[in-house]
Amino acid sequence: MTLFRMPLSVWGIFMASIMALLAFPALFVSAVMMLFDKLLGTSFFMPAIISLGQQLNHQGGSPILFQHLFWFFGHPEVYIVALPAFGLVSD
């Protein structure tokens, strides 16, 4: 069977898996960066380390900045869940 003769359910699962391969690394990297902020005291999610010429205590970071990186996963995740369902319904 050629690629273009496959049912729409297979296409939906195939496209969802491609989108998952592109979206999950953003979730993994942002989670690792948040873990480094929490455990190692890095400042990935702290945009202003120096304020008025003094270095701030930068243990941890802002969860709001993590949410911006999480959005790179959260937005495609809706389509990752919906595409196989659309493919199954249309067959």
PDB file of N, CA and C in Angstrom:
ATOM      1  N   MET A   1       0.855  -1.171   0.000  1.00  0.00           N
ATOM      2  CA  MET A   1       0.000   0.000   0.000  1.00  0.00           C
ATOM      3  C   MET A   1       0.902   1.235   0.000  1.00  0.00           C
ATOM      4  N   THR A   2       0.596   2.160  -0.889  1.00  0.00           N
ATOM      5  CA  THR A   2       1.402   3.380  -0.950  1.00  0.00           C
ATOM      6  C   THR A   2       0.990   4.347   0.154  1.00  0.00           C
ATOM      7  N   LEU A   3       1.797   5.363   0.320  1.00  0.00           N
ATOM      8  CA  LEU A   3       1.561   6.320   1.400  1.00  0.00           C
ATOM      9  C   LEU A   3       0.256   7.090   1.202  1.00  0.00           C
ATOM     10  N   PHE A   4      -0.080   7.390  -0.037  1.00  0.00           N
ATOM     11  CA  PHE A   4      -1.280   8.187  -0.295  1.00  0.00           C
ATOM     12  C   PHE A   4      -2.560   7.354  -0.353  1.00  0.00           C
ATOM     13  N   ARG A   5      -2.450   6.039  -0.278  1.00  0.00           N
ATOM     14  CA  ARG A   5      -3.640   5.187  -0.254  1.00  0.00           C
ATOM     15  C   ARG A   5      -4.017   4.756   1.156  1.00  0.00           C
ATOM     16  N   MET A   6      -3.248   5.185   2.135  1.00  0.00           N
ATOM     17  CA  MET A   6      -3.536   4.813   3.524  1.00  0.00           C
ATOM     18  C   MET A   6      -4.777   5.524   4.030  1.00  0.00           C
ATOM     19  N   PRO A   7      -5.489   4.921   4.975  1.00  0.00           N
ATOM     20  CA  PRO A   7      -6.693   5.550   5.532  1.00  0.00           C
ATOM     21  C   PRO A   7      -6.347   6.815   6.323  1.00  0.00           C
ATOM     22  N   LEU A   8      -7.364   7.632   6.535  1.00  0.00           N
ATOM     23  CA  LEU A   8      -7.147   8.889   7.254  1.00  0.00           C
ATOM     24  C   LEU A   8      -6.781   8.669   8.718  1.00  0.00           C
ATOM     25  N   SER A   9      -7.208   7.566   9.294  1.00  0.00           N
ATOM     26  CA  SER A   9      -6.830   7.297  10.686  1.00  0.00           C
ATOM     27  C   SER A   9      -5.320   7.098  10.808  1.00  0.00           C
ATOM     28  N   VAL A  10      -4.720   6.426   9.839  1.00  0.00           N
ATOM     29  CA  VAL A  10      -3.271   6.237   9.847  1.00  0.00           C
ATOM     30  C   VAL A  10      -2.566   7.573   9.651  1.00  0.00           C
ATOM     31  N   TRP A  11      -3.095   8.411   8.766  1.00  0.00           N
ATOM     32  CA  TRP A  11      -2.515   9.740   8.557  1.00  0.00           C
ATOM     33  C   TRP A  11      -2.620  10.586   9.821  1.00  0.00           C
ATOM     34  N   GLY A  12      -3.731  10.486  10.526  1.00  0.00           N
ATOM     35  CA  GLY A  12      -3.896  11.248  11.765  1.00  0.00           C
ATOM     36  C   GLY A  12      -2.899  10.829  12.828  1.00  0.00           C
ATOM     37  N   ILE A  13      -2.715   9.529  12.977  1.00  0.00           N
ATOM     38  CA  ILE A  13      -1.744   9.030  13.959  1.00  0.00           C
ATOM     39  C   ILE A  13      -0.323   9.388  13.533  1.00  0.00           C
ATOM     40  N   PHE A  14      -0.040   9.293  12.249  1.00  0.00           N
ATOM     41  CA  PHE A  14       1.288   9.638  11.734  1.00  0.00           C
ATOM     42  C   PHE A  14       1.614  11.110  11.973  1.00  0.00           C
ATOM     43  N   MET A  15       0.686  11.990  11.650  1.00  0.00           N
ATOM     44  CA  MET A  15       0.930  13.425  11.841  1.00  0.00           C
ATOM     45  C   MET A  15       1.011  13.785  13.321  1.00  0.00           C
ATOM     46  N   ALA A  16       0.231  13.121  14.156  1.00  0.00           N
ATOM     47  CA  ALA A  16       0.307  13.375  15.598  1.00  0.00           C
ATOM     48  C   ALA A  16       1.658  12.942  16.156  1.00  0.00           C
ATOM     49  N   SER A  17       2.186  11.840  15.660  1.00  0.00           N
ATOM     50  CA  SER A  17       3.495  11.400  16.148  1.00  0.00           C
ATOM     51  C   SER A  17       4.606  12.335  15.684  1.00  0.00           C
ATOM     52  N   ILE A  18       4.497  12.877  14.474  1.00  0.00           N
ATOM     53  CA  ILE A  18       5.479  13.864  14.001  1.00  0.00           C
ATOM     54  C   ILE A  18       5.407  15.123  14.858  1.00  0.00           C
ATOM     55  N   MET A  19       4.200  15.581  15.148  1.00  0.00           N
ATOM     56  CA  MET A  19       4.055  16.771  15.993  1.00  0.00           C
ATOM     57  C   MET A  19       4.562  16.510  17.409  1.00  0.00           C
ATOM     58  N   ALA A  20       4.364  15.306  17.915  1.00  0.00           N
ATOM     59  CA  ALA A  20       4.864  14.975  19.254  1.00  0.00           C
ATOM     60  C   ALA A  20       6.388  14.975  19.277  1.00  0.00           C
ATOM     61  N   LEU A  21       7.002  14.469  18.209  1.00  0.00           N
ATOM     62  CA  LEU A  21       8.462  14.495  18.141  1.00  0.00           C
ATOM     63  C   LEU A  21       9.006  15.920  18.125  1.00  0.00           C
ATOM     64  N   LEU A  22       8.255  16.847  17.591  1.00  0.00           N
ATOM     65  CA  LEU A  22       8.692  18.241  17.557  1.00  0.00           C
ATOM     66  C   LEU A  22       8.339  19.002  18.821  1.00  0.00           C
ATOM     67  N   ALA A  23       7.295  18.597  19.529  1.00  0.00           N
ATOM     68  CA  ALA A  23       6.822  19.365  20.686  1.00  0.00           C
ATOM     69  C   ALA A  23       7.419  18.901  22.009  1.00  0.00           C
ATOM     70  N   PHE A  24       7.645  17.615  22.187  1.00  0.00           N
ATOM     71  CA  PHE A  24       8.111  17.115  23.482  1.00  0.00           C
ATOM     72  C   PHE A  24       9.516  17.575  23.866  1.00  0.00           C
ATOM     73  N   PRO A  25      10.446  17.789  22.926  1.00  0.00           N
ATOM     74  CA  PRO A  25      11.744  18.325  23.361  1.00  0.00           C
ATOM     75  C   PRO A  25      11.639  19.691  24.037  1.00  0.00           C
ATOM     76  N   ALA A  26      10.711  20.528  23.625  1.00  0.00           N
ATOM     77  CA  ALA A  26      10.536  21.824  24.290  1.00  0.00           C
ATOM     78  C   ALA A  26      10.077  21.632  25.725  1.00  0.00           C
ATOM     79  N   LEU A  27       9.195  20.676  25.964  1.00  0.00           N
ATOM     80  CA  LEU A  27       8.755  20.377  27.330  1.00  0.00           C
ATOM     81  C   LEU A  27       9.905  19.822  28.162  1.00  0.00           C
ATOM     82  N   PHE A  28      10.688  18.937  27.582  1.00  0.00           N
ATOM     83  CA  PHE A  28      11.803  18.336  28.310  1.00  0.00           C
ATOM     84  C   PHE A  28      12.858  19.376  28.672  1.00  0.00           C
ATOM     85  N   VAL A  29      13.222  20.221  27.726  1.00  0.00           N
ATOM     86  CA  VAL A  29      14.246  21.240  27.984  1.00  0.00           C
ATOM     87  C   VAL A  29      13.770  22.236  29.027  1.00  0.00           C
ATOM     88  N   SER A  30      12.536  22.673  28.929  1.00  0.00           N
ATOM     89  CA  SER A  30      12.041  23.632  29.920  1.00  0.00           C
ATOM     90  C   SER A  30      11.935  22.993  31.304  1.00  0.00           C
ATOM     91  N   ALA A  31      11.594  21.713  31.381  1.00  0.00           N
ATOM     92  CA  ALA A  31      11.544  21.037  32.682  1.00  0.00           C
ATOM     93  C   ALA A  31      12.943  20.872  33.273  1.00  0.00           C
ATOM     94  N   VAL A  32      13.925  20.561  32.434  1.00  0.00           N
ATOM     95  CA  VAL A  32      15.303  20.448  32.916  1.00  0.00           C
ATOM     96  C   VAL A  32      15.816  21.806  33.384  1.00  0.00           C
ATOM     97  N   MET A  33      15.497  22.860  32.645  1.00  0.00           N
ATOM     98  CA  MET A  33      15.924  24.195  33.065  1.00  0.00           C
ATOM     99  C   MET A  33      15.276  24.591  34.387  1.00  0.00           C
ATOM    100  N   MET A  34      14.014  24.255  34.581  1.00  0.00           N
ATOM    101  CA  MET A  34      13.348  24.547  35.851  1.00  0.00           C
ATOM    102  C   MET A  34      13.966  23.729  36.983  1.00  0.00           C
ATOM    103  N   LEU A  35      14.327  22.483  36.699  1.00  0.00           N
ATOM    104  CA  LEU A  35      14.986  21.653  37.702  1.00  0.00           C
ATOM    105  C   LEU A  35      16.352  22.225  38.077  1.00  0.00           C
ATOM    106  N   PHE A  36      17.103  22.699  37.091  1.00  0.00           N
ATOM    107  CA  PHE A  36      18.393  23.334  37.378  1.00  0.00           C
ATOM    108  C   PHE A  36      18.217  24.595  38.204  1.00  0.00           C
ATOM    109  N   ASP A  37      17.173  25.367  37.918  1.00  0.00           N
ATOM    110  CA  ASP A  37      16.906  26.560  38.722  1.00  0.00           C
ATOM    111  C   ASP A  37      16.605  26.190  40.167  1.00  0.00           C
ATOM    112  N   LYS A  38      15.879  25.119  40.352  1.00  0.00           N
ATOM    113  CA  LYS A  38      15.473  24.718  41.702  1.00  0.00           C
ATOM    114  C   LYS A  38      16.623  24.095  42.486  1.00  0.00           C
ATOM    115  N   LEU A  39      17.367  23.188  41.857  1.00  0.00           N
ATOM    116  CA  LEU A  39      18.379  22.425  42.581  1.00  0.00           C
ATOM    117  C   LEU A  39      19.770  23.056  42.561  1.00  0.00           C
ATOM    118  N   LEU A  40      20.167  23.626  41.436  1.00  0.00           N
ATOM    119  CA  LEU A  40      21.528  24.130  41.295  1.00  0.00           C
ATOM    120  C   LEU A  40      21.639  25.635  41.470  1.00  0.00           C
ATOM    121  N   GLY A  41      20.520  26.327  41.556  1.00  0.00           N
ATOM    122  CA  GLY A  41      20.555  27.772  41.741  1.00  0.00           C
ATOM    123  C   GLY A  41      20.930  28.555  40.501  1.00  0.00           C
ATOM    124  N   THR A  42      20.697  27.985  39.325  1.00  0.00           N
ATOM    125  CA  THR A  42      20.974  28.729  38.097  1.00  0.00           C
ATOM    126  C   THR A  42      19.914  29.798  37.904  1.00  0.00           C
ATOM    127  N   SER A  43      20.021  30.541  36.833  1.00  0.00           N
ATOM    128  CA  SER A  43      19.087  31.655  36.637  1.00  0.00           C
ATOM    129  C   SER A  43      18.515  31.657  35.228  1.00  0.00           C
ATOM    130  N   PHE A  44      18.042  30.506  34.773  1.00  0.00           N
ATOM    131  CA  PHE A  44      17.428  30.446  33.452  1.00  0.00           C
ATOM    132  C   PHE A  44      16.137  31.256  33.395  1.00  0.00           C
ATOM    133  N   PHE A  45      15.357  31.203  34.443  1.00  0.00           N
ATOM    134  CA  PHE A  45      14.056  31.854  34.448  1.00  0.00           C
ATOM    135  C   PHE A  45      14.053  33.118  35.299  1.00  0.00           C
ATOM    136  N   MET A  46      15.204  33.737  35.463  1.00  0.00           N
ATOM    137  CA  MET A  46      15.312  34.996  36.192  1.00  0.00           C
ATOM    138  C   MET A  46      15.941  36.014  35.246  1.00  0.00           C
ATOM    139  N   PRO A  47      15.139  36.878  34.618  1.00  0.00           N
ATOM    140  CA  PRO A  47      15.681  37.762  33.588  1.00  0.00           C
ATOM    141  C   PRO A  47      16.593  38.853  34.130  1.00  0.00           C
ATOM    142  N   ALA A  48      16.384  39.312  35.348  1.00  0.00           N
ATOM    143  CA  ALA A  48      17.184  40.411  35.884  1.00  0.00           C
ATOM    144  C   ALA A  48      17.969  39.920  37.095  1.00  0.00           C
ATOM    145  N   ILE A  49      19.206  39.474  36.848  1.00  0.00           N
ATOM    146  CA  ILE A  49      20.035  38.994  37.950  1.00  0.00           C
ATOM    147  C   ILE A  49      20.650  40.184  38.683  1.00  0.00           C
ATOM    148  N   ILE A  50      20.989  41.225  37.938  1.00  0.00           N
ATOM    149  CA  ILE A  50      21.607  42.404  38.540  1.00  0.00           C
ATOM    150  C   ILE A  50      20.595  43.537  38.513  1.00  0.00           C
ATOM    151  N   SER A  51      20.320  44.107  39.663  1.00  0.00           N
ATOM    152  CA  SER A  51      19.377  45.210  39.777  1.00  0.00           C
ATOM    153  C   SER A  51      20.047  46.350  40.530  1.00  0.00           C
ATOM    154  N   LEU A  52      20.113  47.499  39.917  1.00  0.00           N
ATOM    155  CA  LEU A  52      20.739  48.686  40.507  1.00  0.00           C
ATOM    156  C   LEU A  52      22.188  48.423  40.907  1.00  0.00           C
ATOM    157  N   GLY A  53      22.902  47.664  40.081  1.00  0.00           N
ATOM    158  CA  GLY A  53      24.308  47.410  40.322  1.00  0.00           C
ATOM    159  C   GLY A  53      24.596  46.353  41.360  1.00  0.00           C
ATOM    160  N   GLN A  54      23.593  45.735  41.941  1.00  0.00           N
ATOM    161  CA  GLN A  54      23.801  44.710  42.956  1.00  0.00           C
ATOM    162  C   GLN A  54      23.275  43.373  42.444  1.00  0.00           C
ATOM    163  N   GLN A  55      24.038  42.353  42.732  1.00  0.00           N
ATOM    164  CA  GLN A  55      23.607  41.024  42.317  1.00  0.00           C
ATOM    165  C   GLN A  55      22.509  40.528  43.248  1.00  0.00           C
ATOM    166  N   LEU A  56      21.433  40.057  42.640  1.00  0.00           N
ATOM    167  CA  LEU A  56      20.296  39.572  43.419  1.00  0.00           C
ATOM    168  C   LEU A  56      20.491  38.114  43.811  1.00  0.00           C
ATOM    169  N   ASN A  57      19.793  37.705  44.832  1.00  0.00           N
ATOM    170  CA  ASN A  57      19.748  36.293  45.184  1.00  0.00           C
ATOM    171  C   ASN A  57      18.876  35.602  44.145  1.00  0.00           C
ATOM    172  N   HIS A  58      19.467  34.775  43.334  1.00  0.00           N
ATOM    173  CA  HIS A  58      18.722  34.192  42.215  1.00  0.00           C
ATOM    174  C   HIS A  58      18.484  32.705  42.387  1.00  0.00           C
ATOM    175  N   GLN A  59      18.208  32.274  43.588  1.00  0.00           N
ATOM    176  CA  GLN A  59      17.830  30.881  43.788  1.00  0.00           C
ATOM    177  C   GLN A  59      16.439  30.666  43.218  1.00  0.00           C
ATOM    178  N   GLY A  60      16.313  29.685  42.386  1.00  0.00           N
ATOM    179  CA  GLY A  60      15.011  29.421  41.779  1.00  0.00           C
ATOM    180  C   GLY A  60      14.801  30.282  40.548  1.00  0.00           C
ATOM    181  N   GLY A  61      13.606  30.692  40.318  1.00  0.00           N
ATOM    182  CA  GLY A  61      13.275  31.495  39.161  1.00  0.00           C
ATOM    183  C   GLY A  61      11.793  31.760  39.132  1.00  0.00           C
ATOM    184  N   SER A  62      11.377  32.438  38.096  1.00  0.00           N
ATOM    185  CA  SER A  62       9.977  32.814  37.978  1.00  0.00           C
ATOM    186  C   SER A  62       9.190  31.721  37.253  1.00  0.00           C
ATOM    187  N   PRO A  63       8.129  31.203  37.848  1.00  0.00           N
ATOM    188  CA  PRO A  63       7.315  30.204  37.158  1.00  0.00           C
ATOM    189  C   PRO A  63       6.606  30.774  35.935  1.00  0.00           C
ATOM    190  N   ILE A  64       6.413  32.082  35.895  1.00  0.00           N
ATOM    191  CA  ILE A  64       5.761  32.697  34.733  1.00  0.00           C
ATOM    192  C   ILE A  64       6.618  32.517  33.488  1.00  0.00           C
ATOM    193  N   LEU A  65       7.929  32.655  33.618  1.00  0.00           N
ATOM    194  CA  LEU A  65       8.801  32.458  32.467  1.00  0.00           C
ATOM    195  C   LEU A  65       8.816  30.997  32.031  1.00  0.00           C
ATOM    196  N   PHE A  66       8.653  30.070  32.982  1.00  0.00           N
ATOM    197  CA  PHE A  66       8.528  28.655  32.623  1.00  0.00           C
ATOM    198  C   PHE A  66       7.254  28.420  31.822  1.00  0.00           C
ATOM    199  N   GLN A  67       6.189  29.119  32.176  1.00  0.00           N
ATOM    200  CA  GLN A  67       4.921  28.939  31.471  1.00  0.00           C
ATOM    201  C   GLN A  67       5.023  29.371  30.016  1.00  0.00           C
ATOM    202  N   HIS A  68       5.861  30.350  29.723  1.00  0.00           N
ATOM    203  CA  HIS A  68       6.051  30.753  28.330  1.00  0.00           C
ATOM    204  C   HIS A  68       6.718  29.636  27.528  1.00  0.00           C
ATOM    205  N   LEU A  69       7.708  28.972  28.123  1.00  0.00           N
ATOM    206  CA  LEU A  69       8.323  27.846  27.429  1.00  0.00           C
ATOM    207  C   LEU A  69       7.379  26.653  27.356  1.00  0.00           C
ATOM    208  N   PHE A  70       6.563  26.467  28.386  1.00  0.00           N
ATOM    209  CA  PHE A  70       5.607  25.363  28.371  1.00  0.00           C
ATOM    210  C   PHE A  70       4.584  25.541  27.254  1.00  0.00           C
ATOM    211  N   TRP A  71       4.298  26.772  26.875  1.00  0.00           N
ATOM    212  CA  TRP A  71       3.329  27.036  25.817  1.00  0.00           C
ATOM    213  C   TRP A  71       3.788  26.454  24.484  1.00  0.00           C
ATOM    214  N   PHE A  72       5.121  26.346  24.262  1.00  0.00           N
ATOM    215  CA  PHE A  72       5.624  25.731  23.034  1.00  0.00           C
ATOM    216  C   PHE A  72       5.226  24.264  22.952  1.00  0.00           C
ATOM    217  N   PHE A  73       4.998  23.641  24.089  1.00  0.00           N
ATOM    218  CA  PHE A  73       4.475  22.275  24.102  1.00  0.00           C
ATOM    219  C   PHE A  73       2.958  22.265  24.186  1.00  0.00           C
ATOM    220  N   GLY A  74       2.386  23.141  24.988  1.00  0.00           N
ATOM    221  CA  GLY A  74       0.954  23.110  25.276  1.00  0.00           C
ATOM    222  C   GLY A  74       0.081  23.391  24.068  1.00  0.00           C
ATOM    223  N   HIS A  75       0.537  24.281  23.194  1.00  0.00           N
ATOM    224  CA  HIS A  75      -0.282  24.603  22.022  1.00  0.00           C
ATOM    225  C   HIS A  75      -0.345  23.435  21.034  1.00  0.00           C
ATOM    226  N   PRO A  76       0.775  22.833  20.617  1.00  0.00           N
ATOM    227  CA  PRO A  76       0.661  21.681  19.708  1.00  0.00           C
ATOM    228  C   PRO A  76       0.051  20.446  20.357  1.00  0.00           C
ATOM    229  N   GLU A  77       0.081  20.365  21.684  1.00  0.00           N
ATOM    230  CA  GLU A  77      -0.436  19.182  22.370  1.00  0.00           C
ATOM    231  C   GLU A  77      -1.927  18.991  22.104  1.00  0.00           C
ATOM    232  N   VAL A  78      -2.643  20.075  21.921  1.00  0.00           N
ATOM    233  CA  VAL A  78      -4.073  19.981  21.599  1.00  0.00           C
ATOM    234  C   VAL A  78      -4.260  19.262  20.267  1.00  0.00           C
ATOM    235  N   TYR A  79      -3.428  19.596  19.299  1.00  0.00           N
ATOM    236  CA  TYR A  79      -3.534  18.960  17.989  1.00  0.00           C
ATOM    237  C   TYR A  79      -3.004  17.531  18.027  1.00  0.00           C
ATOM    238  N   ILE A  80      -2.022  17.260  18.892  1.00  0.00           N
ATOM    239  CA  ILE A  80      -1.505  15.897  19.028  1.00  0.00           C
ATOM    240  C   ILE A  80      -2.610  14.969  19.518  1.00  0.00           C
ATOM    241  N   VAL A  81      -3.457  15.461  20.389  1.00  0.00           N
ATOM    242  CA  VAL A  81      -4.566  14.655  20.910  1.00  0.00           C
ATOM    243  C   VAL A  81      -5.715  14.593  19.904  1.00  0.00           C
ATOM    244  N   ALA A  82      -5.977  15.693  19.201  1.00  0.00           N
ATOM    245  CA  ALA A  82      -7.159  15.774  18.343  1.00  0.00           C
ATOM    246  C   ALA A  82      -6.980  15.085  16.986  1.00  0.00           C
ATOM    247  N   LEU A  83      -5.785  15.120  16.405  1.00  0.00           N
ATOM    248  CA  LEU A  83      -5.605  14.576  15.057  1.00  0.00           C
ATOM    249  C   LEU A  83      -5.932  13.084  14.942  1.00  0.00           C
ATOM    250  N   PRO A  84      -5.483  12.226  15.838  1.00  0.00           N
ATOM    251  CA  PRO A  84      -5.901  10.820  15.707  1.00  0.00           C
ATOM    252  C   PRO A  84      -7.410  10.636  15.851  1.00  0.00           C
ATOM    253  N   ALA A  85      -8.028  11.422  16.718  1.00  0.00           N
ATOM    254  CA  ALA A  85      -9.489  11.315  16.865  1.00  0.00           C
ATOM    255  C   ALA A  85     -10.192  11.751  15.588  1.00  0.00           C
ATOM    256  N   PHE A  86      -9.718  12.832  14.974  1.00  0.00           N
ATOM    257  CA  PHE A  86     -10.310  13.274  13.702  1.00  0.00           C
ATOM    258  C   PHE A  86     -10.130  12.212  12.625  1.00  0.00           C
ATOM    259  N   GLY A  87      -8.966  11.562  12.603  1.00  0.00           N
ATOM    260  CA  GLY A  87      -8.727  10.509  11.619  1.00  0.00           C
ATOM    261  C   GLY A  87      -9.630   9.308  11.830  1.00  0.00           C
ATOM    262  N   LEU A  88      -9.841   8.929  13.085  1.00  0.00           N
ATOM    263  CA  LEU A  88     -10.716   7.787  13.366  1.00  0.00           C
ATOM    264  C   LEU A  88     -12.167   8.088  13.037  1.00  0.00           C
ATOM    265  N   VAL A  89     -12.602   9.303  13.305  1.00  0.00           N
ATOM    266  CA  VAL A  89     -13.992   9.675  13.020  1.00  0.00           C
ATOM    267  C   VAL A  89     -14.236   9.732  11.517  1.00  0.00           C
ATOM    268  N   SER A  90     -13.252  10.173  10.752  1.00  0.00           N
ATOM    269  CA  SER A  90     -13.473  10.347   9.316  1.00  0.00           C
ATOM    270  C   SER A  90     -13.357   9.036   8.535  1.00  0.00           C
ATOM    271  N   ASP A  91     -12.890   7.973   9.149  1.00  0.00           N
ATOM    272  CA  ASP A  91     -12.846   6.679   8.436  1.00  0.00           C
ATOM    273  C   ASP A  91     -14.136   5.929   8.529  1.00  0.00           C
TER     274      ASP A  91
END
